[in-house]
């Protein structure tokens, strides 16, 4: 069975390898990820994952797996930090607070059936000093990361607690991914 990963994320590729899945190809979906007016974080993440899965052309024997990760404080969706100013604003908002990381996955089977799910994991940051924020900004690790940080990197030293799925915060909830794939008939090791 063949699987297309609709993501350019090396983290998602590595996470799939943890459960013994190697995509036959990687085909990042090119969609507009701008939140709709008044769109809440959970529906936003789910919509993006589903749109990414739908945007990928596939052969008759291919499954398509798409995901999207959203960091939210209350109803506010934080950006995927592209500038130092965005990253700093995210970290200043997250310091000493609980926030939610919602990673949605959508799987399209060769017969056209689609299954999707959202994992919601709570993350609590320690209170950060200005020097810690400056140091993290200088690392560059925040670039392109939802909420301006990567839990699997230097930011791990700032995270006091997570309640939920570590792999979902990295970018792909492995338990839910395996369940959806199996439910649609994809053979896992």
Protein backbone atom coordinates (compact mmCIF):
# COMPACT_ATOMS: atom_id res chain seq x y z
CA UNK A 1 0.00 0.00 0.00
CA UNK A 2 1.24 3.45 -0.87
CA UNK A 3 0.98 6.59 1.25
CA UNK A 4 1.43 10.19 0.13
CA UNK A 5 2.44 12.62 2.86
CA UNK A 6 0.91 16.02 2.06
CA UNK A 7 3.55 17.88 4.04
CA UNK A 8 7.12 19.06 3.59
CA UNK A 9 7.76 18.77 7.34
CA UNK A 10 10.81 16.62 8.14
CA UNK A 11 9.38 16.20 11.65
CA UNK A 12 6.22 14.56 10.31
CA UNK A 13 8.32 12.26 8.15
CA UNK A 14 10.42 11.26 11.18
CA UNK A 15 7.32 10.74 13.32
CA UNK A 16 5.78 8.43 10.71
CA UNK A 17 9.01 6.41 10.72
CA UNK A 18 8.51 5.87 14.46
CA UNK A 19 5.39 3.83 13.69
CA UNK A 20 7.01 2.03 10.77
CA UNK A 21 5.45 4.07 7.97
CA UNK A 22 7.53 5.33 5.06
CA UNK A 23 5.56 7.40 2.56
CA UNK A 24 5.97 6.41 -1.07
CA UNK A 25 6.19 10.12 -1.84
CA UNK A 26 6.02 13.53 -0.23
CA UNK A 27 3.75 16.07 -1.94
CA UNK A 28 3.25 19.25 0.09
CA UNK A 29 -0.15 20.82 -0.39
CA UNK A 30 -0.17 24.46 -1.46
CA UNK A 31 -3.27 26.02 0.09
CA UNK A 32 -4.14 29.35 1.66
CA UNK A 33 -3.76 28.88 5.43
CA UNK A 34 -5.31 32.20 6.42
CA UNK A 35 -7.95 31.76 9.14
CA UNK A 36 -11.49 32.63 8.08
CA UNK A 37 -13.16 35.50 9.88
CA UNK A 38 -14.15 34.41 13.41
CA UNK A 39 -12.78 30.90 12.80
CA UNK A 40 -11.85 29.16 16.04
CA UNK A 41 -8.57 27.23 16.40
CA UNK A 42 -9.98 23.67 16.36
CA UNK A 43 -12.15 24.10 13.24
CA UNK A 44 -9.31 26.03 11.59
CA UNK A 45 -6.82 23.19 12.08
CA UNK A 46 -9.35 20.60 10.90
CA UNK A 47 -10.31 22.60 7.81
CA UNK A 48 -6.67 23.03 6.80
CA UNK A 49 -5.86 19.33 7.20
CA UNK A 50 -8.92 18.36 5.16
CA UNK A 51 -8.15 20.94 2.45
CA UNK A 52 -4.56 19.73 2.24
CA UNK A 53 -5.70 16.11 1.84
CA UNK A 54 -8.17 17.14 -0.87
CA UNK A 55 -5.57 19.22 -2.75
CA UNK A 56 -3.23 16.30 -3.45
CA UNK A 57 -3.61 14.21 -6.59
CA UNK A 58 -3.10 10.53 -5.97
CA UNK A 59 -2.91 7.26 -7.85
CA UNK A 60 -5.76 4.75 -7.46
CA UNK A 61 -3.81 2.75 -4.84
CA UNK A 62 -2.56 5.68 -2.74
CA UNK A 63 -3.66 6.92 0.66
CA UNK A 64 -3.11 10.62 1.37
CA UNK A 65 -2.17 11.86 4.84
CA UNK A 66 -2.34 15.58 5.66
CA UNK A 67 -1.93 17.46 8.93
CA UNK A 68 -1.94 20.96 10.32
CA UNK A 69 -0.79 22.26 13.69
CA UNK A 70 -2.28 25.35 15.31
CA UNK A 71 -1.11 26.99 18.53
CA UNK A 72 -3.85 28.86 20.35
CA UNK A 73 -4.26 31.02 23.42
CA UNK A 74 -7.97 31.00 24.10
CA UNK A 75 -9.69 31.80 20.80
CA UNK A 76 -6.55 33.44 19.39
CA UNK A 77 -4.62 31.56 16.69
CA UNK A 78 -0.90 32.28 16.86
CA UNK A 79 1.01 32.56 13.59
CA UNK A 80 3.69 30.34 12.17
CA UNK A 81 6.46 32.77 13.03
CA UNK A 82 8.18 34.14 9.95
CA UNK A 83 9.91 37.14 11.54
CA UNK A 84 11.78 37.74 14.77
CA UNK A 85 9.06 40.18 15.80
CA UNK A 86 6.35 37.52 15.36
CA UNK A 87 8.38 34.95 17.29
CA UNK A 88 9.05 37.40 20.11
CA UNK A 89 5.35 38.38 20.31
CA UNK A 90 4.38 34.69 20.50
CA UNK A 91 6.90 33.89 23.23
CA UNK A 92 5.94 36.97 25.24
CA UNK A 93 2.31 35.88 25.06
CA UNK A 94 3.08 32.24 25.98
CA UNK A 95 5.45 32.92 28.87
CA UNK A 96 4.05 31.63 32.15
CA UNK A 97 0.81 30.57 30.48
CA UNK A 98 -1.11 27.52 29.41
CA UNK A 99 -1.91 27.27 25.72
CA UNK A 100 -3.28 24.63 23.38
CA UNK A 101 -1.65 22.93 20.45
CA UNK A 102 -4.22 21.47 18.10
CA UNK A 103 -2.97 19.13 15.43
CA UNK A 104 -5.54 17.95 12.94
CA UNK A 105 -5.00 15.01 10.63
CA UNK A 106 -6.97 13.95 7.59
CA UNK A 107 -6.53 10.68 5.72
CA UNK A 108 -8.01 10.06 2.29
CA UNK A 109 -8.32 6.42 1.25
CA UNK A 110 -7.96 5.25 -2.37
CA UNK A 111 -11.75 4.80 -2.53
CA UNK A 112 -12.29 8.47 -1.62
CA UNK A 113 -13.35 8.01 2.00
CA UNK A 114 -11.88 10.65 4.31
CA UNK A 115 -11.36 10.32 8.05
CA UNK A 116 -10.11 13.14 10.24
CA UNK A 117 -9.46 13.98 13.85
CA UNK A 118 -8.07 16.80 15.99
CA UNK A 119 -5.73 16.24 18.91
CA UNK A 120 -5.79 19.00 21.54
CA UNK A 121 -2.76 19.08 23.85
CA UNK A 122 -2.31 21.62 26.62
CA UNK A 123 1.20 23.04 27.03
CA UNK A 124 2.37 25.14 29.97
CA UNK A 125 5.39 27.40 29.51
CA UNK A 126 7.55 28.44 32.41
CA UNK A 127 7.88 32.19 32.92
CA UNK A 128 10.63 33.29 30.54
CA UNK A 129 13.09 36.09 31.17
CA UNK A 130 13.93 38.63 28.49
CA UNK A 131 17.37 37.01 28.21
CA UNK A 132 15.80 33.58 27.59
CA UNK A 133 13.52 34.98 24.89
CA UNK A 134 16.47 36.80 23.29
CA UNK A 135 18.56 33.62 23.34
CA UNK A 136 15.77 31.57 21.77
CA UNK A 137 15.20 34.20 19.08
CA UNK A 138 18.93 34.16 18.26
CA UNK A 139 18.80 30.37 17.82
CA UNK A 140 16.54 30.76 14.77
CA UNK A 141 14.72 27.58 15.78
CA UNK A 142 11.40 29.45 15.82
CA UNK A 143 11.36 30.04 12.06
CA UNK A 144 8.20 28.71 10.46
CA UNK A 145 7.01 27.13 13.71
CA UNK A 146 3.43 27.51 14.89
CA UNK A 147 3.45 29.69 17.99
CA UNK A 148 7.10 30.56 17.43
CA UNK A 149 8.67 27.54 19.13
CA UNK A 150 9.64 23.89 18.64
CA UNK A 151 9.05 21.59 21.61
CA UNK A 152 11.55 19.06 20.22
CA UNK A 153 14.37 21.59 20.37
CA UNK A 154 15.72 24.24 22.71
CA UNK A 155 12.22 25.29 23.83
CA UNK A 156 11.89 21.98 25.68
CA UNK A 157 13.82 23.61 28.53
CA UNK A 158 11.01 26.17 28.93
CA UNK A 159 8.05 23.80 28.97
CA UNK A 160 6.89 22.94 32.45
CA UNK A 161 4.14 20.50 31.51
CA UNK A 162 2.19 19.00 28.65
CA UNK A 163 -1.16 17.32 29.02
CA UNK A 164 -1.78 15.21 25.97
CA UNK A 165 0.32 14.00 23.07
CA UNK A 166 3.97 15.01 22.72
CA UNK A 167 4.04 13.83 19.09
CA UNK A 168 1.01 16.03 18.32
CA UNK A 169 2.88 19.09 19.59
CA UNK A 170 5.83 18.13 17.36
CA UNK A 171 3.39 17.94 14.43
CA UNK A 172 1.65 14.56 14.12
CA UNK A 173 -0.38 12.72 16.78
CA UNK A 174 0.89 9.18 16.22
CA UNK A 175 -1.87 7.30 18.05
CA UNK A 176 -4.63 9.07 16.13
CA UNK A 177 -2.74 8.78 12.85
CA UNK A 178 -2.35 5.02 13.26
CA UNK A 179 -6.01 4.66 14.21
CA UNK A 180 -7.24 6.58 11.16
CA UNK A 181 -4.94 4.74 8.77
CA UNK A 182 -5.98 1.32 10.12
CA UNK A 183 -9.65 2.33 10.09
CA UNK A 184 -9.44 3.09 6.37
CA UNK A 185 -7.62 -0.18 5.59
CA UNK A 186 -3.97 0.91 5.49
CA UNK A 187 -1.72 -1.90 6.74
CA UNK A 188 0.62 -0.82 9.52
CA UNK A 189 3.53 -2.92 10.80
